[in-house]
Amino acid sequence: MTTSSKGIAVITGASTGIGAIYADRLARRGYDLILVARSQSKLDDVARRVSDVTDRNVQTVTADLNNKLDLKRIETLLAKDAGITMLVNNAGVGGLVSLLESNVDEMEAMIDLNVTALTRLTYAMIPAFVTRGGGTIINISSAVAVAPEILNGVYGGTKAFVLAFSLSLHKELADRNIRIQAVLPGATATNFWDAAGGSVEQLPSKMVMRGDDLIDAALTGLDQGELVTIPSLPEKADWDAYEAARQKLIPNLSLSTPAARLRAAIVAQRTQPSNQGDRHEHRHQ
């Protein structure tokens, strides 16, 4: 028997991988769903499977978030559907090859999906959440957000944006009853690797987390109030130490004078006698 709903969770990239697992887990937690992805047939499979098990209401919307008209359509949905209480920004594409081997048009498309689409959907959602008195946004970043040298640099850059964006949103919306969570998965046993042109089987098994373990850990982190969840990180104190180091930098990021470690060299350069006059005389001899 269907229990009362926690509202509607919108999940992008919901047809496969961790998006499909989010659909299952959130439905089990009492959310009705709107699933967004490019493949109608795959969406239908996920919707059928989830609704059969949970008896929740599951809607599907076919959209390519790299298409501006489709993206605008989802923005309108987020802004107007008063039942939406959660947005999971999961849609994204990865990159494994080096920058020199990459196709620049594909990199631009990656930025459009991983950064631009996520940003536009978030900004469609936030004013609606403010009006409704609250909501939750889960942004799927990546472990490469803090270790961009591991994979393709553009991919790492897009995921670093997602992390920075989430931290900023959390601060900006702290008194608006809007929860923000950034999830930073490491290597996960999903179709991500195939889509990115690689194989997860090439990695040591101890590095690769199952998709269901990843999402269960991410949602537990959400329950525990984590702003940033790295599912494989042994201790929350590890992230707290990283964050404390970052915060320690902030007071000195913008000051009126160069740091002492640089100033001595600057003074030495400025006080060196100029040889321009000598060179000028030499040229006219």
Protein backbone atom coordinates (compact mmCIF):
# COMPACT_ATOMS: atom_id res chain seq x y z
CA MET A 1 0.00 0.00 0.00
CA THR A 2 1.36 3.42 -0.96
CA THR A 3 2.38 5.57 1.99
CA SER A 4 2.17 9.35 2.02
CA SER A 5 4.62 10.98 -0.35
CA LYS A 6 7.68 13.01 0.59
CA GLY A 7 7.05 14.95 -2.59
CA ILE A 8 8.55 14.50 -6.03
CA ALA A 9 12.23 13.86 -6.67
CA VAL A 10 13.46 14.82 -10.13
CA ILE A 11 16.47 12.76 -11.22
CA THR A 12 18.43 13.59 -14.36
CA GLY A 13 20.41 10.90 -16.13
CA ALA A 14 17.99 8.42 -14.59
CA SER A 15 17.88 5.71 -17.25
CA THR A 16 21.03 3.83 -16.23
CA GLY A 17 23.80 3.66 -13.66
CA ILE A 18 23.61 5.59 -10.43
CA GLY A 19 20.66 7.65 -11.67
CA ALA A 20 18.56 4.49 -11.92
CA ILE A 21 19.73 3.41 -8.46
CA TYR A 22 18.78 6.82 -7.03
CA ALA A 23 15.32 6.25 -8.52
CA ASP A 24 14.96 2.94 -6.69
CA ARG A 25 16.28 4.22 -3.37
CA LEU A 26 14.32 7.47 -3.31
CA ALA A 27 11.09 5.69 -4.23
CA ARG A 28 11.69 3.27 -1.36
CA ARG A 29 12.11 6.31 0.90
CA GLY A 30 8.67 7.57 -0.09
CA TYR A 31 9.32 9.93 -2.98
CA ASP A 32 7.32 10.01 -6.17
CA LEU A 33 9.61 10.46 -9.14
CA ILE A 34 10.15 12.34 -12.37
CA LEU A 35 12.90 10.60 -14.30
CA VAL A 36 14.75 12.51 -17.03
CA ALA A 37 17.03 11.00 -19.68
CA ARG A 38 17.46 10.68 -23.43
CA SER A 39 16.23 7.11 -23.91
CA GLN A 40 12.48 6.62 -23.51
CA SER A 41 12.75 2.84 -23.59
CA LYS A 42 15.36 2.75 -20.83
CA LEU A 43 13.36 5.25 -18.77
CA ASP A 44 10.28 3.06 -19.16
CA ASP A 45 12.22 0.03 -17.93
CA VAL A 46 13.42 1.88 -14.82
CA ALA A 47 9.97 3.36 -14.16
CA ARG A 48 8.27 -0.01 -14.46
CA ARG A 49 10.77 -1.74 -12.21
CA VAL A 50 10.64 0.96 -9.53
CA SER A 51 6.86 1.37 -9.50
CA ASP A 52 6.31 -2.40 -9.36
CA VAL A 53 8.49 -2.68 -6.26
CA THR A 54 7.52 0.52 -4.45
CA ASP A 55 4.05 1.40 -5.78
CA ARG A 56 5.18 5.03 -6.08
CA ASN A 57 4.07 7.33 -8.87
CA VAL A 58 6.86 7.46 -11.47
CA GLN A 59 6.75 9.82 -14.44
CA THR A 60 9.28 9.89 -17.27
CA VAL A 61 10.41 12.80 -19.41
CA THR A 62 12.60 12.26 -22.45
CA ALA A 63 15.10 15.08 -22.83
CA ASP A 64 18.62 15.65 -24.07
CA LEU A 65 20.10 18.24 -21.72
CA ASN A 66 22.65 19.18 -24.38
CA ASN A 67 19.71 20.40 -26.46
CA LYS A 68 18.72 23.94 -25.48
CA LEU A 69 15.02 23.43 -26.16
CA ASP A 70 14.92 20.23 -24.12
CA LEU A 71 16.87 21.89 -21.32
CA LYS A 72 14.46 24.82 -21.25
CA ARG A 73 11.56 22.39 -21.06
CA ILE A 74 13.00 20.77 -17.92
CA GLU A 75 13.73 24.19 -16.41
CA THR A 76 10.07 25.10 -16.86
CA LEU A 77 8.99 21.83 -15.26
CA LEU A 78 11.16 22.47 -12.21
CA ALA A 79 9.92 26.01 -11.80
CA LYS A 80 6.23 25.22 -12.15
CA ASP A 81 5.60 21.82 -10.52
CA ALA A 82 4.83 22.68 -6.90
CA GLY A 83 5.14 19.05 -5.84
CA ILE A 84 8.89 18.86 -6.45
CA THR A 85 10.89 18.67 -3.21
CA MET A 86 14.20 17.26 -4.47
CA LEU A 87 16.44 17.64 -7.51
CA VAL A 88 19.22 15.14 -8.21
CA ASN A 89 21.61 16.64 -10.77
CA ASN A 90 23.10 13.38 -11.95
CA ALA A 91 23.27 13.71 -15.75
CA GLY A 92 26.83 14.02 -16.94
CA VAL A 93 29.49 12.62 -19.20
CA GLY A 94 33.08 11.68 -18.44
CA GLY A 95 36.41 11.75 -20.18
CA LEU A 96 39.40 9.46 -19.79
CA VAL A 97 41.80 10.46 -22.56
CA SER A 98 44.40 13.20 -22.19
CA LEU A 99 43.67 16.76 -23.22
CA LEU A 100 45.99 16.49 -26.23
CA GLU A 101 44.09 13.44 -27.47
CA SER A 102 40.65 14.92 -26.83
CA ASN A 103 38.20 16.34 -29.35
CA VAL A 104 37.54 19.96 -28.45
CA ASP A 105 33.91 19.81 -29.62
CA GLU A 106 33.32 16.82 -27.34
CA MET A 107 34.95 18.73 -24.48
CA GLU A 108 32.63 21.67 -25.12
CA ALA A 109 29.63 19.32 -25.07
CA MET A 110 30.91 17.93 -21.76
CA ILE A 111 31.03 21.42 -20.28
CA ASP A 112 27.55 22.14 -21.62
CA LEU A 113 26.13 19.08 -19.87
CA ASN A 114 28.22 18.85 -16.70
CA VAL A 115 28.29 22.57 -15.96
CA THR A 116 25.79 24.61 -17.96
CA ALA A 117 22.82 22.24 -17.76
CA LEU A 118 23.39 21.57 -14.06
CA THR A 119 23.63 25.30 -13.37
CA ARG A 120 20.49 26.18 -15.31
CA LEU A 121 18.44 23.40 -13.70
CA THR A 122 19.62 24.44 -10.26
CA TYR A 123 18.73 28.07 -10.86
CA ALA A 124 15.33 27.04 -12.16
CA MET A 125 14.79 25.05 -8.97
CA ILE A 126 16.08 27.36 -6.26
CA PRO A 127 13.55 30.23 -6.59
CA ALA A 128 10.77 27.64 -6.53
CA PHE A 129 12.21 26.06 -3.38
CA VAL A 130 12.51 29.49 -1.76
CA THR A 131 8.85 30.16 -2.53
CA ARG A 132 7.81 26.71 -1.25
CA GLY A 133 9.82 27.05 1.94
CA GLY A 134 12.52 24.45 1.32
CA GLY A 135 13.86 21.55 -0.70
CA THR A 136 16.92 19.43 -1.40
CA ILE A 137 19.45 19.54 -4.23
CA ILE A 138 21.93 16.70 -4.69
CA ASN A 139 24.75 17.46 -7.12
CA ILE A 140 26.84 14.57 -8.40
CA SER A 141 30.43 15.73 -8.57
CA SER A 142 33.39 13.34 -8.55
CA ALA A 143 36.50 12.48 -6.59
CA VAL A 144 38.45 14.12 -9.42
CA ALA A 145 37.05 17.46 -8.22
CA VAL A 146 39.85 17.37 -5.63
CA ALA A 147 42.25 15.26 -7.73
CA PRO A 148 41.92 16.61 -11.29
CA GLU A 149 45.21 15.11 -12.42
CA ILE A 150 43.70 11.60 -12.33
CA LEU A 151 41.51 11.75 -15.46
CA ASN A 152 40.83 14.16 -18.32
CA GLY A 153 41.47 17.73 -17.18
CA VAL A 154 38.27 19.17 -18.64
CA TYR A 155 36.22 16.49 -16.90
CA GLY A 156 38.02 17.22 -13.63
CA GLY A 157 37.40 20.92 -14.14
CA THR A 158 33.67 20.41 -14.65
CA LYS A 159 33.43 18.36 -11.47
CA ALA A 160 35.48 20.90 -9.52
CA PHE A 161 32.90 23.45 -10.65
CA VAL A 162 30.09 21.26 -9.29
CA LEU A 163 31.83 21.07 -5.91
CA ALA A 164 32.57 24.81 -5.74
CA PHE A 165 29.04 25.63 -6.89
CA SER A 166 27.58 23.39 -4.19
CA LEU A 167 29.71 24.95 -1.45
CA SER A 168 28.64 28.42 -2.55
CA LEU A 169 24.97 27.45 -2.72
CA HIS A 170 25.13 25.96 0.76
CA LYS A 171 26.46 29.24 2.19
CA GLU A 172 24.03 31.39 0.22
CA LEU A 173 20.95 29.32 1.09
CA ALA A 174 21.79 28.39 4.68
CA ASP A 175 18.82 30.26 6.11
CA ARG A 176 16.35 29.22 3.39
CA ASN A 177 15.73 25.62 4.51
CA ILE A 178 17.31 24.34 1.28
CA ARG A 179 19.63 21.36 1.69
CA ILE A 180 22.62 21.06 -0.63
CA GLN A 181 24.75 17.95 -0.95
CA ALA A 182 27.69 17.33 -3.26
CA VAL A 183 28.49 13.66 -3.81
CA LEU A 184 32.04 12.81 -4.91
CA PRO A 185 32.12 9.21 -6.18
CA GLY A 186 35.34 7.45 -6.95
CA ALA A 187 35.47 4.65 -9.50
CA THR A 188 32.05 3.00 -9.61
CA ALA A 189 30.89 -0.16 -11.36
CA THR A 190 28.43 1.46 -13.78
CA ASN A 191 28.25 2.14 -17.52
CA PHE A 192 30.09 5.46 -16.98
CA TRP A 193 33.38 3.91 -18.02
CA ASP A 194 32.03 2.42 -21.22
CA ALA A 195 30.46 5.75 -22.17
CA ALA A 196 33.75 7.52 -21.44
CA GLY A 197 35.68 5.16 -23.67
CA GLY A 198 37.31 2.93 -21.04
CA SER A 199 36.67 -0.12 -18.91
CA VAL A 200 36.27 -0.24 -15.15
CA GLU A 201 37.64 -3.78 -15.27
CA GLN A 202 41.08 -2.31 -15.91
CA LEU A 203 41.13 -0.91 -12.38
CA PRO A 204 42.05 -2.85 -9.23
CA SER A 205 38.88 -4.25 -7.69
CA LYS A 206 39.66 -2.60 -4.35
CA MET A 207 39.22 0.81 -6.05
CA VAL A 208 35.80 0.13 -7.56
CA MET A 209 32.58 0.54 -5.56
CA ARG A 210 29.29 -1.06 -6.52
CA GLY A 211 26.64 1.42 -7.59
CA ASP A 212 24.13 0.42 -4.93
CA ASP A 213 26.77 0.78 -2.19
CA LEU A 214 27.64 4.22 -3.54
CA ILE A 215 24.06 5.50 -3.47
CA ASP A 216 23.25 3.97 -0.10
CA ALA A 217 26.35 5.67 1.32
CA ALA A 218 25.50 8.98 -0.36
CA LEU A 219 21.96 8.98 1.03
CA THR A 220 23.26 8.05 4.48
CA GLY A 221 25.58 11.04 4.24
CA LEU A 222 22.57 13.18 3.36
CA ASP A 223 20.72 11.81 6.39
CA GLN A 224 23.70 12.69 8.57
CA GLY A 225 23.76 16.26 7.31
CA GLU A 226 26.93 16.08 5.24
CA LEU A 227 27.44 18.89 2.75
CA VAL A 228 30.10 16.87 0.93
CA THR A 229 29.95 13.09 0.84
CA ILE A 230 32.85 10.99 -0.42
CA PRO A 231 31.44 7.49 0.02
CA SER A 232 34.83 5.77 0.32
CA LEU A 233 36.45 8.29 2.69
CA PRO A 234 37.20 6.44 5.96
CA GLU A 235 36.59 9.34 8.34
CA LYS A 236 34.56 12.52 8.06
CA ALA A 237 37.45 14.13 9.94
CA ASP A 238 39.56 13.64 6.82
CA TRP A 239 37.30 15.96 4.83
CA ASP A 240 37.03 18.34 7.78
CA ALA A 241 40.84 18.64 7.80
CA TYR A 242 40.87 19.33 4.06
CA GLU A 243 38.18 21.97 4.52
CA ALA A 244 39.99 23.52 7.48
CA ALA A 245 43.12 23.89 5.35
CA ARG A 246 41.06 25.57 2.64
CA GLN A 247 39.45 27.92 5.14
CA LYS A 248 42.89 28.83 6.51
CA LEU A 249 43.84 30.16 3.07
CA ILE A 250 40.82 32.44 2.72
CA PRO A 251 41.98 35.43 4.86
CA ASN A 252 45.13 35.74 2.75
CA LEU A 253 43.66 35.21 -0.71
CA SER A 254 43.17 38.94 -1.33
CA LEU A 255 45.49 41.47 0.31
CA SER A 256 46.93 44.84 -0.72
CA THR A 257 50.58 43.76 -0.85
CA PRO A 258 52.48 40.76 -2.21
CA ALA A 259 53.50 38.11 0.30
CA ALA A 260 56.87 38.39 2.03
CA ARG A 261 58.04 35.20 0.30
CA LEU A 262 57.76 37.06 -3.04
CA ARG A 263 58.48 40.62 -1.92
CA ALA A 264 62.25 40.29 -1.49
CA ALA A 265 62.68 39.19 -5.10
CA ILE A 266 60.38 41.98 -6.28
CA VAL A 267 62.42 44.60 -4.39
CA ALA A 268 65.66 43.19 -5.79
CA GLN A 269 64.33 43.34 -9.34
CA ARG A 270 63.13 46.90 -8.91
CA THR A 271 66.43 48.13 -7.45
CA GLN A 272 68.68 46.60 -10.11
CA PRO A 273 70.40 49.30 -12.21
CA SER A 274 68.98 49.60 -15.67
CA ASN A 275 71.21 48.64 -18.61
CA GLN A 276 68.97 50.21 -21.19
CA GLY A 277 71.13 53.31 -21.53
CA ASP A 278 74.30 51.27 -22.05
CA ARG A 279 72.61 49.17 -24.73
CA HIS A 280 71.32 52.34 -26.41
CA GLU A 281 74.84 53.85 -26.55
CA HIS A 282 76.30 50.59 -27.88
CA ARG A 283 73.86 50.50 -30.78
CA HIS A 284 74.92 54.01 -31.89
CA GLN A 285 78.67 53.62 -31.69
